[in-house]
C-alpha atoms as a PDB file:
ATOM      1  CA  MET A   1       0.048  -0.160   0.030  1.00  0.00           C
ATOM      2  CA  TYR A   2       3.034   2.305   0.298  1.00  0.00           C
ATOM      3  CA  LEU A   3       4.867   2.425  -3.001  1.00  0.00           C
ATOM      4  CA  ILE A   4       3.614   3.380  -6.474  1.00  0.00           C
ATOM      5  CA  PHE A   5       6.567   5.237  -8.405  1.00  0.00           C
ATOM      6  CA  ASN A   6       8.215   5.815  -5.106  1.00  0.00           C
ATOM      7  CA  LEU A   7       5.182   8.165  -3.861  1.00  0.00           C
ATOM      8  CA  PRO A   8       3.077   6.991  -1.106  1.00  0.00           C
ATOM      9  CA  VAL A   9      -0.771   6.227  -2.154  1.00  0.00           C
ATOM     10  CA  LYS A  10      -2.235   8.994  -0.232  1.00  0.00           C
ATOM     11  CA  ALA A  11       0.400  11.524  -1.795  1.00  0.00           C
ATOM     12  CA  GLN A  12       0.163   9.944  -5.331  1.00  0.00           C
ATOM     13  CA  LYS A  13      -3.794  10.195  -4.683  1.00  0.00           C
ATOM     14  CA  ARG A  14      -3.389  13.891  -3.795  1.00  0.00           C
ATOM     15  CA  LYS A  15      -1.101  14.691  -6.698  1.00  0.00           C
ATOM     16  CA  TRP A  16      -3.807  13.231  -9.268  1.00  0.00           C
ATOM     17  CA  GLU A  17      -6.554  15.464  -7.544  1.00  0.00           C
ATOM     18  CA  GLU A  18      -4.127  18.677  -7.732  1.00  0.00           C
ATOM     19  CA  GLU A  19      -3.722  17.644 -11.412  1.00  0.00           C
ATOM     20  CA  LYS A  20      -7.440  17.195 -12.323  1.00  0.00           C
ATOM     21  CA  ALA A  21      -8.397  20.497 -10.231  1.00  0.00           C
ATOM     22  CA  MET A  22      -5.805  22.248 -12.291  1.00  0.00           C
ATOM     23  CA  LYS A  23      -6.840  21.039 -15.459  1.00  0.00           C
ATOM     24  CA  LYS A  24     -10.378  21.713 -14.891  1.00  0.00           C
ATOM     25  CA  ILE A  25      -9.578  25.091 -13.761  1.00  0.00           C
ATOM     26  CA  GLN A  26      -7.404  25.343 -16.900  1.00  0.00           C
ATOM     27  CA  LYS A  27     -10.430  24.309 -19.069  1.00  0.00           C
ATOM     28  CA  LYS A  28     -12.733  26.785 -17.505  1.00  0.00           C
ATOM     29  CA  MET A  29     -10.435  29.653 -18.137  1.00  0.00           C
ATOM     30  CA  ASP A  30      -9.991  28.663 -22.105  1.00  0.00           C
ATOM     31  CA  ILE A  31     -13.958  28.710 -21.970  1.00  0.00           C
ATOM     32  CA  GLU A  32     -13.864  32.082 -20.453  1.00  0.00           C
ATOM     33  CA  LYS A  33     -11.344  33.313 -22.602  1.00  0.00           C
ATOM     34  CA  GLU A  34     -12.966  31.852 -26.073  1.00  0.00           C
ATOM     35  CA  THR A  35     -16.052  33.556 -24.890  1.00  0.00           C
ATOM     36  CA  GLU A  36     -14.447  36.823 -24.319  1.00  0.00           C
ATOM     37  CA  ASP A  37     -13.027  36.552 -27.953  1.00  0.00           C
ATOM     38  CA  LYS A  38     -16.144  35.779 -29.326  1.00  0.00           C
ATOM     39  CA  ILE A  39     -18.061  38.582 -27.762  1.00  0.00           C
ATOM     40  CA  ARG A  40     -14.950  40.897 -28.963  1.00  0.00           C
ATOM     41  CA  ARG A  41     -15.265  39.693 -32.665  1.00  0.00           C
ATOM     42  CA  GLN A  42     -19.142  40.107 -32.434  1.00  0.00           C
ATOM     43  CA  MET A  43     -18.378  43.997 -31.402  1.00  0.00           C
ATOM     44  CA  GLU A  44     -15.888  44.456 -34.067  1.00  0.00           C
ATOM     45  CA  GLU A  45     -18.484  43.059 -36.572  1.00  0.00           C
ATOM     46  CA  ARG A  46     -20.976  45.079 -35.135  1.00  0.00           C
ATOM     47  CA  GLU A  47     -18.801  48.277 -35.627  1.00  0.00           C
ATOM     48  CA  GLN A  48     -17.677  47.438 -39.124  1.00  0.00           C
ATOM     49  CA  ARG A  49     -21.309  47.074 -40.488  1.00  0.00           C
ATOM     50  CA  GLY A  50     -22.890  50.242 -38.962  1.00  0.00           C
ATOM     51  CA  ARG A  51     -26.109  50.971 -37.869  1.00  0.00           C
ATOM     52  CA  ASP A  52     -28.653  47.993 -37.663  1.00  0.00           C
ATOM     53  CA  TRP A  53     -31.775  49.932 -38.450  1.00  0.00           C
ATOM     54  CA  THR A  54     -32.528  53.176 -40.906  1.00  0.00           C
ATOM     55  CA  VAL A  55     -35.643  55.301 -40.692  1.00  0.00           C
ATOM     56  CA  SER A  56     -37.409  56.413 -43.654  1.00  0.00           C
ATOM     57  CA  ILE A  57     -40.204  59.139 -44.621  1.00  0.00           C
ATOM     58  CA  ALA A  58     -42.187  60.320 -47.082  1.00  0.00           C
ATOM     59  CA  LEU A  59     -42.557  64.163 -47.789  1.00  0.00           C
ATOM     60  CA  PRO A  60     -45.493  65.595 -49.718  1.00  0.00           C
ATOM     61  CA  GLY A  61     -43.880  67.066 -52.926  1.00  0.00           C
ATOM     62  CA  SER A  62     -46.019  70.382 -52.308  1.00  0.00           C
ATOM     63  CA  ILE A  63     -43.726  70.892 -49.169  1.00  0.00           C
ATOM     64  CA  VAL A  64     -40.732  70.242 -50.700  1.00  0.00           C
ATOM     65  CA  ASP A  65     -41.692  72.441 -54.133  1.00  0.00           C
ATOM     66  CA  ASN A  66     -42.381  75.462 -52.429  1.00  0.00           C
ATOM     67  CA  ALA A  67     -38.714  76.047 -51.749  1.00  0.00           C
ATOM     68  CA  GLN A  68     -36.913  78.022 -54.249  1.00  0.00           C
ATOM     69  CA  SER A  69     -33.677  76.138 -54.428  1.00  0.00           C
ATOM     70  CA  ASP A  70     -32.262  72.734 -54.187  1.00  0.00           C
ATOM     71  CA  GLU A  71     -30.406  74.049 -51.122  1.00  0.00           C
ATOM     72  CA  LEU A  72     -33.653  75.279 -49.666  1.00  0.00           C
ATOM     73  CA  ARG A  73     -35.282  72.018 -50.327  1.00  0.00           C
ATOM     74  CA  THR A  74     -32.743  70.052 -48.714  1.00  0.00           C
ATOM     75  CA  TYR A  75     -32.911  72.262 -45.597  1.00  0.00           C
ATOM     76  CA  VAL A  76     -36.974  71.962 -45.526  1.00  0.00           C
ATOM     77  CA  ALA A  77     -36.618  67.986 -45.652  1.00  0.00           C
ATOM     78  CA  GLY A  78     -34.001  68.128 -42.815  1.00  0.00           C
ATOM     79  CA  GLN A  79     -35.928  70.152 -40.693  1.00  0.00           C
ATOM     80  CA  VAL A  80     -39.020  68.027 -41.140  1.00  0.00           C
ATOM     81  CA  CYS A  81     -37.119  64.962 -40.073  1.00  0.00           C
ATOM     82  CA  VAL A  82     -35.748  67.071 -37.072  1.00  0.00           C
ATOM     83  CA  ASP A  83     -39.052  67.890 -36.023  1.00  0.00           C
ATOM     84  CA  LEU A  84     -40.577  64.510 -36.579  1.00  0.00           C
ATOM     85  CA  PHE A  85     -37.892  62.831 -34.345  1.00  0.00           C
ATOM     86  CA  MET A  86     -37.599  65.742 -31.877  1.00  0.00           C
ATOM     87  CA  SER A  87     -41.264  65.481 -30.817  1.00  0.00           C
END
């Protein structure tokens, strides 16, 4: 009951349990690292893609036609959008 590879049985069992615990901890750390890497990749992909949504509206032509130039038409359309989303 004493010698297996020149170690007492209890000491060898303790060593195996410690190795098993270390492997378990290492595996848990690897899983956490993989999860963090996955989250980081998803965030980078989201940043590269841009927005997840856009909003489109239709303006009656009579509103835009009242403006005298292209610049004023653009300004009027922008102001209508701002007013819609600020209220």
